[in-house]
Protein backbone atom coordinates (compact mmCIF):
# COMPACT_ATOMS: atom_id res chain seq x y z
CA MET A 1 58.72 -19.89 115.34
CA LYS A 2 55.96 -18.85 112.94
CA HIS A 3 57.44 -15.35 112.75
CA SER A 4 60.88 -16.74 111.92
CA LEU A 5 59.46 -19.01 109.24
CA LEU A 6 57.50 -16.18 107.63
CA SER A 7 60.56 -13.93 107.74
CA ALA A 8 62.60 -16.62 106.03
CA ILE A 9 60.00 -17.05 103.30
CA MET A 10 59.80 -13.30 102.76
CA ALA A 11 63.56 -12.98 102.55
CA ALA A 12 63.74 -15.76 100.00
CA VAL A 13 60.93 -14.27 97.93
CA ILE A 14 62.44 -10.79 97.89
CA THR A 15 65.76 -12.08 96.56
CA MET A 16 64.45 -14.59 94.02
CA PRO A 17 63.42 -13.79 90.46
CA ALA A 18 59.68 -13.37 90.08
CA PHE A 19 57.91 -16.71 89.98
CA ALA A 20 60.90 -18.94 90.52
CA GLN A 21 59.86 -22.58 90.53
CA VAL A 22 57.90 -23.57 93.63
CA LYS A 23 58.20 -27.24 94.60
CA PRO A 24 55.50 -29.16 92.69
CA ILE A 25 52.66 -30.71 94.67
CA LYS A 26 52.23 -34.30 93.51
CA TYR A 27 48.82 -35.91 93.58
CA GLU A 28 46.79 -38.75 92.10
CA LYS A 29 43.29 -38.28 90.74
CA TYR A 30 40.65 -40.81 89.76
CA THR A 31 36.86 -41.19 89.59
CA LEU A 32 34.71 -43.93 91.11
CA PRO A 33 31.94 -45.50 88.97
CA ASN A 34 29.33 -43.50 90.96
CA GLY A 35 30.93 -40.25 89.79
CA LEU A 36 32.84 -39.35 92.97
CA LYS A 37 36.10 -37.63 92.07
CA VAL A 38 39.01 -38.49 94.36
CA ILE A 39 42.31 -36.63 94.74
CA LEU A 40 45.12 -38.05 96.89
CA HIS A 41 48.25 -36.16 97.94
CA GLN A 42 50.94 -37.91 99.97
CA ASP A 43 53.18 -35.87 102.26
CA LYS A 44 54.93 -37.68 105.09
CA SER A 45 56.69 -34.62 106.52
CA ALA A 46 54.24 -34.54 109.46
CA PRO A 47 51.87 -37.18 110.91
CA VAL A 48 48.66 -35.37 109.92
CA VAL A 49 46.01 -35.95 107.27
CA ALA A 50 43.29 -33.67 105.92
CA VAL A 51 40.09 -35.22 104.61
CA SER A 52 37.82 -32.89 102.68
CA ALA A 53 34.59 -33.09 100.69
CA LEU A 54 33.67 -30.26 98.35
CA TYR A 55 30.12 -30.29 96.99
CA HIS A 56 29.50 -28.21 93.90
CA VAL A 57 26.48 -26.44 95.36
CA GLY A 58 26.20 -22.91 96.63
CA SER A 59 23.56 -20.25 96.87
CA LYS A 60 23.55 -19.75 93.10
CA ASN A 61 22.05 -23.24 92.68
CA GLU A 62 18.99 -22.44 94.80
CA ASP A 63 15.40 -21.90 93.78
CA THR A 64 14.40 -18.24 93.97
CA SER A 65 11.71 -19.16 96.49
CA LYS A 66 14.01 -21.35 98.59
CA THR A 67 17.13 -19.32 99.18
CA GLY A 68 19.55 -20.08 102.00
CA PHE A 69 19.35 -23.85 101.57
CA ALA A 70 23.03 -24.37 100.66
CA HIS A 71 24.25 -22.52 103.73
CA PHE A 72 21.59 -24.19 105.87
CA PHE A 73 22.88 -27.60 104.83
CA GLU A 74 26.38 -26.64 105.92
CA HIS A 75 24.90 -26.68 109.44
CA LEU A 76 22.41 -29.50 108.97
CA MET A 77 25.10 -31.95 107.87
CA PHE A 78 26.49 -31.93 111.41
CA GLU A 79 23.17 -33.22 112.81
CA GLY A 80 24.21 -36.83 112.38
CA SER A 81 23.33 -39.79 110.20
CA GLN A 82 22.04 -43.32 110.39
CA HIS A 83 25.11 -44.36 112.40
CA VAL A 84 26.14 -41.02 113.95
CA LYS A 85 23.82 -39.87 116.72
CA ARG A 86 22.69 -36.25 116.96
CA GLY A 87 25.40 -34.02 118.38
CA GLU A 88 28.12 -36.64 118.08
CA PHE A 89 29.74 -35.69 114.79
CA ASP A 90 32.06 -33.16 116.41
CA LYS A 91 32.69 -35.51 119.34
CA TYR A 92 34.05 -38.21 117.06
CA VAL A 93 36.51 -35.71 115.62
CA SER A 94 37.64 -34.10 118.88
CA ASN A 95 37.94 -37.45 120.68
CA ALA A 96 40.33 -38.58 117.95
CA GLY A 97 42.48 -35.47 118.43
CA GLY A 98 41.22 -33.82 115.27
CA GLU A 99 39.48 -30.65 114.20
CA ASN A 100 36.83 -29.90 111.60
CA ASN A 101 34.88 -27.12 109.99
CA ALA A 102 32.80 -26.17 106.96
CA ASN A 103 31.91 -23.14 104.87
CA THR A 104 29.55 -22.15 102.08
CA THR A 105 29.91 -19.68 99.23
CA GLN A 106 27.79 -18.72 96.28
CA ASP A 107 29.40 -21.59 94.34
CA ARG A 108 30.24 -24.49 96.66
CA THR A 109 29.97 -26.08 100.12
CA TYR A 110 33.14 -27.39 101.73
CA TYR A 111 33.74 -29.72 104.68
CA TYR A 112 37.03 -30.85 106.15
CA GLU A 113 38.56 -32.78 109.02
CA LEU A 114 42.19 -32.70 110.12
CA PHE A 115 43.39 -35.79 112.00
CA PRO A 116 46.54 -37.43 113.31
CA SER A 117 47.49 -39.78 110.49
CA ASN A 118 46.55 -42.90 112.46
CA GLN A 119 42.95 -41.64 112.76
CA PHE A 120 42.20 -40.25 109.30
CA ALA A 121 40.01 -43.20 108.25
CA LEU A 122 37.49 -41.80 110.73
CA GLY A 123 37.19 -38.77 108.45
CA LEU A 124 36.41 -41.00 105.47
CA TRP A 125 33.69 -42.76 107.45
CA LEU A 126 32.15 -39.50 108.66
CA GLU A 127 32.08 -38.00 105.16
CA SER A 128 30.59 -41.19 103.73
CA GLU A 129 27.89 -41.04 106.41
CA ARG A 130 27.09 -37.47 105.37
CA MET A 131 26.83 -38.50 101.75
CA ARG A 132 25.05 -41.82 102.17
CA HIS A 133 22.35 -41.21 104.78
CA ALA A 134 22.46 -37.94 106.66
CA LYS A 135 19.56 -37.33 109.03
CA ILE A 136 17.07 -34.90 107.54
CA GLU A 137 14.52 -34.83 110.36
CA ASP A 138 12.16 -32.27 111.86
CA ILE A 139 14.11 -31.95 115.10
CA GLY A 140 17.43 -31.27 113.34
CA VAL A 141 15.87 -28.89 110.85
CA ALA A 142 14.18 -26.93 113.63
CA THR A 143 17.41 -26.75 115.63
CA GLN A 144 19.50 -25.52 112.74
CA LYS A 145 16.92 -22.93 111.71
CA GLU A 146 17.50 -21.27 115.07
CA VAL A 147 21.27 -21.56 114.65
CA VAL A 148 21.13 -19.85 111.25
CA LYS A 149 18.89 -17.09 112.60
CA GLU A 150 21.37 -16.39 115.38
CA GLU A 151 24.27 -16.44 112.93
CA LYS A 152 22.52 -13.85 110.77
CA ARG A 153 21.91 -11.63 113.79
CA GLN A 154 25.53 -11.85 114.92
CA ARG A 155 27.38 -11.73 111.61
CA ILE A 156 25.14 -9.46 109.55
CA ASP A 157 22.30 -7.65 111.30
CA ASN A 158 24.09 -6.56 114.47
CA ARG A 159 27.63 -6.27 113.15
CA PRO A 160 28.86 -2.84 112.05
CA TYR A 161 29.15 -2.77 108.25
CA GLY A 162 27.92 -6.39 108.27
CA THR A 163 25.40 -5.83 105.48
CA ILE A 164 27.86 -4.39 102.96
CA ILE A 165 28.35 -7.49 100.81
CA GLY A 166 24.63 -8.20 100.65
CA GLU A 167 23.75 -4.61 99.82
CA ILE A 168 26.37 -4.54 97.07
CA PHE A 169 25.42 -7.81 95.43
CA LYS A 170 21.69 -7.13 95.28
CA ARG A 171 22.42 -3.91 93.39
CA ALA A 172 25.19 -5.27 91.16
CA PHE A 173 23.17 -8.31 90.06
CA LYS A 174 19.52 -8.12 89.09
CA VAL A 175 18.85 -11.45 87.33
CA HIS A 176 21.68 -13.83 88.30
CA PRO A 177 21.34 -15.81 91.56
CA TYR A 178 24.38 -13.94 92.88
CA ARG A 179 21.89 -11.23 93.77
CA TRP A 180 21.23 -12.99 97.08
CA GLN A 181 23.80 -14.01 99.66
CA PRO A 182 24.44 -17.56 100.96
CA ILE A 183 22.63 -16.74 104.22
CA GLY A 184 19.51 -16.44 102.06
CA SER A 185 16.05 -15.61 103.28
CA LEU A 186 15.09 -16.65 106.80
CA GLU A 187 11.46 -16.47 105.69
CA HIS A 188 12.17 -19.06 102.99
CA LEU A 189 13.80 -21.36 105.55
CA THR A 190 10.97 -20.86 108.03
CA ASN A 191 8.30 -21.71 105.47
CA ALA A 192 10.12 -24.67 103.92
CA LYS A 193 8.72 -28.14 104.43
CA LEU A 194 10.78 -31.15 105.50
CA GLN A 195 10.40 -32.64 102.02
CA ASP A 196 12.02 -29.51 100.53
CA PHE A 197 15.18 -30.24 102.51
CA ILE A 198 15.09 -33.94 101.67
CA ASP A 199 14.81 -33.10 97.96
CA PHE A 200 17.74 -30.68 98.19
CA TYR A 201 19.86 -33.34 99.86
CA HIS A 202 19.14 -35.99 97.25
CA THR A 203 19.82 -33.53 94.43
CA PHE A 204 23.13 -32.08 95.56
CA TYR A 205 24.68 -34.31 98.23
CA VAL A 206 25.52 -37.09 95.83
CA PRO A 207 28.88 -38.59 94.83
CA ASN A 208 28.73 -37.24 91.28
CA ASN A 209 28.55 -33.69 92.69
CA CYS A 210 31.51 -34.03 95.04
CA VAL A 211 35.30 -34.02 95.07
CA LEU A 212 36.87 -35.99 97.93
CA THR A 213 40.44 -35.00 98.75
CA VAL A 214 42.84 -36.70 101.16
CA ALA A 215 46.17 -34.99 101.79
CA GLY A 216 48.98 -35.81 104.17
CA ASP A 217 50.72 -38.77 105.76
CA ILE A 218 48.92 -41.56 103.92
CA ASP A 219 49.65 -44.83 102.16
CA ILE A 220 48.14 -44.39 98.71
CA ALA A 221 47.21 -48.03 98.09
CA LEU A 222 45.63 -48.47 101.52
CA THR A 223 43.74 -45.17 101.22
CA LYS A 224 42.27 -46.26 97.89
CA LYS A 225 40.97 -49.44 99.49
CA GLN A 226 39.40 -47.50 102.34
CA ILE A 227 37.75 -45.04 99.96
CA GLU A 228 36.42 -47.95 97.94
CA ALA A 229 34.94 -49.53 101.07
CA TYR A 230 33.28 -46.34 102.33
CA PHE A 231 32.13 -44.65 99.13
CA ALA A 232 31.91 -47.03 96.16
CA THR A 233 28.49 -48.42 97.06
CA ILE A 234 26.85 -45.00 97.48
CA PRO A 235 24.42 -44.62 94.56
CA LYS A 236 24.94 -41.96 91.95
CA GLY A 237 22.46 -39.10 92.13
CA GLN A 238 19.31 -39.57 90.07
CA HIS A 239 18.30 -35.91 89.72
CA ALA A 240 19.62 -33.31 87.28
CA ILE A 241 21.81 -30.83 89.14
CA PRO A 242 20.60 -27.25 88.53
CA ARG A 243 23.29 -24.96 87.12
CA PRO A 244 22.34 -21.36 86.35
CA THR A 245 22.90 -20.33 82.75
CA ILE A 246 21.87 -16.71 83.20
CA THR A 247 24.18 -14.00 81.89
CA GLU A 248 23.88 -10.80 83.88
CA PRO A 249 23.43 -7.79 81.59
CA ALA A 250 25.77 -4.83 81.91
CA LEU A 251 24.96 -2.19 84.51
CA ASN A 252 25.29 0.61 81.91
CA ALA A 253 24.87 3.23 84.62
CA GLU A 254 26.25 3.98 88.05
CA VAL A 255 24.12 2.72 90.95
CA ARG A 256 24.33 4.83 94.11
CA ASP A 257 22.73 4.61 97.52
CA VAL A 258 23.12 5.69 101.14
CA ILE A 259 22.75 3.06 103.85
CA GLU A 260 22.14 3.88 107.49
CA ASP A 261 23.89 1.50 109.85
CA ASN A 262 24.70 1.15 113.52
CA ILE A 263 28.16 2.67 113.06
CA GLN A 264 30.11 5.70 114.24
CA LEU A 265 32.36 6.22 111.22
CA PRO A 266 31.01 6.51 107.67
CA ALA A 267 32.28 4.21 104.95
CA VAL A 268 32.53 4.38 101.18
CA VAL A 269 32.27 1.18 99.15
CA GLU A 270 32.72 0.96 95.39
CA ALA A 271 32.00 -2.29 93.57
CA TYR A 272 32.86 -2.65 89.89
CA ARG A 273 31.49 -5.51 87.81
CA ALA A 274 34.48 -7.70 86.97
CA PRO A 275 35.40 -10.96 85.17
CA LYS A 276 34.69 -14.41 86.55
CA GLN A 277 37.48 -16.40 88.17
CA GLY A 278 40.09 -18.15 86.06
CA THR A 279 40.16 -15.78 83.08
CA ASP A 280 43.26 -13.84 82.04
CA GLU A 281 41.51 -10.64 83.15
CA TYR A 282 40.84 -12.26 86.54
CA TYR A 283 44.57 -12.69 87.15
CA ALA A 284 45.21 -9.11 86.12
CA PHE A 285 42.55 -7.93 88.58
CA ASN A 286 44.14 -9.94 91.39
CA VAL A 287 47.44 -8.20 90.72
CA LEU A 288 45.66 -4.85 90.55
CA SER A 289 44.00 -5.42 93.93
CA THR A 290 47.42 -6.11 95.47
CA ILE A 291 48.81 -2.91 93.99
CA LEU A 292 46.01 -0.97 95.61
CA SER A 293 45.75 -2.93 98.84
CA GLY A 294 48.67 -5.34 99.30
CA GLY A 295 50.03 -4.24 102.64
CA ASN A 296 50.94 -1.01 104.39
CA SER A 297 52.94 0.34 101.47
CA ALA A 298 50.16 -0.25 98.91
CA ARG A 299 48.54 2.77 97.31
CA LEU A 300 45.26 2.92 99.23
CA ASN A 301 46.78 2.58 102.67
CA LYS A 302 49.74 4.84 101.96
CA THR A 303 47.69 7.64 100.41
CA ILE A 304 44.26 7.50 102.05
CA VAL A 305 45.22 6.27 105.51
CA ASP A 306 48.82 7.36 106.17
CA ASP A 307 49.50 10.47 104.10
CA LYS A 308 46.10 12.18 103.96
CA GLN A 309 44.63 10.52 107.07
CA LEU A 310 41.18 10.46 105.48
CA ALA A 311 40.43 6.89 106.57
CA VAL A 312 41.16 4.57 109.44
CA ALA A 313 41.15 1.62 107.05
CA SER A 314 40.95 1.03 103.31
CA GLY A 315 41.38 -1.81 100.90
CA ALA A 316 40.53 -3.50 97.63
CA PHE A 317 39.86 -7.10 96.73
CA ASN A 318 38.79 -9.10 93.71
CA TYR A 319 35.58 -10.93 94.71
CA ALA A 320 35.64 -13.35 91.80
CA LEU A 321 33.12 -16.17 91.53
CA GLU A 322 32.40 -19.00 89.12
CA ASP A 323 30.07 -17.01 86.85
CA ALA A 324 31.05 -13.38 87.45
CA GLY A 325 32.94 -11.12 89.80
CA LEU A 326 33.10 -7.79 91.58
CA PHE A 327 36.15 -5.64 92.18
CA ILE A 328 35.51 -3.96 95.52
CA VAL A 329 37.29 -0.87 96.88
CA TYR A 330 36.43 0.59 100.28
CA GLY A 331 37.42 3.07 102.92
CA ILE A 332 36.22 3.69 106.49
CA ALA A 333 36.36 7.42 107.08
CA ASN A 334 38.39 9.08 109.80
CA ALA A 335 36.51 11.17 112.37
CA GLY A 336 35.12 14.33 110.75
CA VAL A 337 35.73 13.16 107.17
CA GLN A 338 32.64 13.20 104.93
CA PRO A 339 31.91 10.29 102.56
CA ASN A 340 32.02 12.56 99.50
CA GLU A 341 35.56 13.68 100.33
CA LEU A 342 36.70 10.11 100.93
CA GLU A 343 35.10 8.93 97.69
CA LYS A 344 36.79 11.70 95.72
CA ASN A 345 40.22 10.66 96.97
CA ILE A 346 39.58 6.95 96.39
CA ASP A 347 38.48 7.79 92.86
CA SER A 348 41.72 9.68 92.23
CA LEU A 349 43.64 6.45 92.84
CA ILE A 350 41.28 4.57 90.54
CA VAL A 351 41.90 7.16 87.83
CA ASP A 352 45.65 6.70 88.27
CA VAL A 353 45.56 2.94 87.59
CA ARG A 354 43.11 3.55 84.75
CA THR A 355 45.31 6.10 82.97
CA LYS A 356 48.92 5.32 83.90
CA LEU A 357 51.16 2.29 83.68
CA VAL A 358 52.39 1.00 87.03
CA SER A 359 56.14 0.92 87.40
CA GLU A 360 58.17 -2.22 86.78
CA LYS A 361 59.37 -2.06 90.39
CA GLU A 362 55.84 -1.98 91.77
CA LEU A 363 54.74 -4.85 89.55
CA GLN A 364 57.76 -6.89 90.64
CA LYS A 365 56.92 -6.31 94.31
CA VAL A 366 53.35 -7.43 93.80
CA LYS A 367 54.42 -10.59 91.99
CA ASN A 368 56.73 -11.40 94.88
CA GLN A 369 53.82 -10.94 97.27
CA THR A 370 51.80 -13.34 95.13
CA ILE A 371 54.43 -16.05 95.54
CA THR A 372 54.39 -15.57 99.30
CA SER A 373 50.60 -15.81 99.42
CA PHE A 374 50.61 -18.90 97.24
CA VAL A 375 53.26 -20.66 99.34
CA THR A 376 51.48 -19.75 102.57
CA ARG A 377 48.09 -21.01 101.33
CA ASN A 378 49.59 -24.38 100.42
CA ALA A 379 51.74 -24.72 103.52
CA THR A 380 49.18 -26.91 105.33
CA MET A 381 47.51 -30.17 104.41
CA GLU A 382 44.07 -28.61 104.73
CA GLY A 383 45.16 -25.75 102.45
CA ILE A 384 46.41 -28.20 99.83
CA ALA A 385 43.25 -30.31 100.06
CA GLU A 386 40.99 -27.31 99.56
CA THR A 387 43.06 -25.86 96.73
CA LEU A 388 43.12 -29.15 94.82
CA ALA A 389 39.35 -29.54 95.24
CA ASN A 390 38.61 -25.97 94.18
CA TYR A 391 40.66 -26.22 91.01
CA GLU A 392 39.10 -29.56 90.10
CA VAL A 393 35.52 -28.38 90.67
CA TYR A 394 35.79 -24.99 89.02
CA PHE A 395 38.16 -25.73 86.15
CA GLY A 396 38.45 -29.52 85.93
CA ASP A 397 42.18 -29.03 86.43
CA ALA A 398 43.61 -29.84 89.85
CA ASN A 399 47.09 -29.28 88.41
CA LEU A 400 46.54 -25.52 88.56
CA ILE A 401 48.01 -25.92 92.03
CA ASN A 402 51.31 -26.28 90.19
CA THR A 403 50.76 -24.02 87.20
CA GLU A 404 48.63 -21.08 88.33
CA LEU A 405 51.63 -18.98 89.31
CA GLN A 406 52.58 -18.95 85.64
CA LYS A 407 49.31 -17.17 84.88
CA PHE A 408 50.25 -14.41 87.30
CA GLU A 409 53.73 -14.29 85.79
CA LYS A 410 52.23 -13.45 82.40
CA VAL A 411 50.43 -10.36 83.71
CA THR A 412 52.04 -7.21 82.32
CA ARG A 413 51.76 -3.53 83.13
CA GLU A 414 49.79 -3.16 79.92
CA ASP A 415 47.34 -5.86 81.07
CA LEU A 416 46.70 -3.94 84.28
CA LEU A 417 46.03 -0.75 82.40
CA ALA A 418 43.72 -2.56 79.97
CA VAL A 419 41.47 -4.14 82.63
CA ALA A 420 41.37 -0.90 84.60
CA LYS A 421 40.29 1.04 81.51
CA LYS A 422 37.71 -1.58 80.60
CA TYR A 423 36.10 -2.21 83.97
CA LEU A 424 36.90 0.62 86.39
CA GLN A 425 34.38 3.01 84.88
CA ASN A 426 31.63 4.87 86.73
CA ASN A 427 28.89 3.32 84.58
CA ASN A 428 30.05 -0.13 85.69
CA ARG A 429 29.87 0.31 89.44
CA VAL A 430 27.78 0.38 92.58
CA VAL A 431 28.68 3.08 95.12
CA LEU A 432 27.41 2.89 98.69
CA HIS A 433 27.87 5.44 101.43
CA TYR A 434 27.43 3.90 104.87
CA VAL A 435 26.45 6.50 107.44
CA PRO A 436 25.45 6.43 111.14
CA LYS A 437 21.78 5.90 111.83
CA GLY A 438 19.83 9.14 111.84
CA SER A 439 22.32 11.04 109.67
CA LYS A 440 20.87 10.23 106.25
CA LYS A 441 19.72 13.33 104.41
């Protein structure tokens, strides 16, 4: 069924003019007196409702001596509250036939629950409990410290190529808080006092630092009353919310390094300093990444993997954040292929997009792929809830969910050439060669 639906979408996209009108997503937005922003989207096509809370706090908001707090709180907020016993948060959700999850980035922390529509008020109550009086206690803090340590071991330390993002960012950024990853320092977490966590909670987990989104099979008037009952009496935060104002200076020179890892196949990673999200250049970079890496027929895969068989995998993506971004290109070498040879061939593709206009046909294909990606992302209630919250937090404009495609539509071949010439230069990049342990020379 999913395959048939995707095939139908693809067929429609291929035959339609680029950026034909996608059905608008209607929503209502308002702000409670305590500063909580609320976005409601009604869709009665299926009896499900997504409840989400996006807090505008990520690793970039942390103290340099207390890194990892934002990610740590993603875990700690499941420990319970004044009215939710330890270990019962997930039980409430699963017993109601729902599902839930959370994630943290450099810029924000996001929680969501997905319920049958007759149970969604439970999500409002749970999120209000998180915001009003979460349990910040020694036993929960100690438990989650061990959870975070194990996550770091599994996802970063003991995972092949798992340190790539961290190794890139700490070389690409020297003064901005993006230089450390959301996982942060385990030493900082270990040495932190209970009061440090309590202070973090009262600074960032406040209504005036949150966007609450409810999307799905809801009655708007009734939902407003329920939100009023659960959230209106939560006090506004009393502390100033730290926002970094640091501007990272230009690299001005290529940064290179060789990293030994527990891997069998070498890898080459190139990271170019790039614009922050939401700018015109950001949209051009997104299109450029699709040209290089948007499927099997894209340039990197076709040339490096299929034709020359220099790599078993390759790709490019625009890692854009609120304050800055990186454009990352990578390849995992085939057996017997040396990193220098792989880098040379990746660079030849970079030179091509930096010196030659892409064809109209290729640009059209990429724009069609963008429509498909956009439609797919907003095909679920949780996807819509997250997208609305992201746009509101980052840009103060939830309506980008209806207008952002127009920004991609405006991208021209000349725009792609301009950003490639400006940013894809050797003196604006970090280059890492990942090699098997013991092979570094």
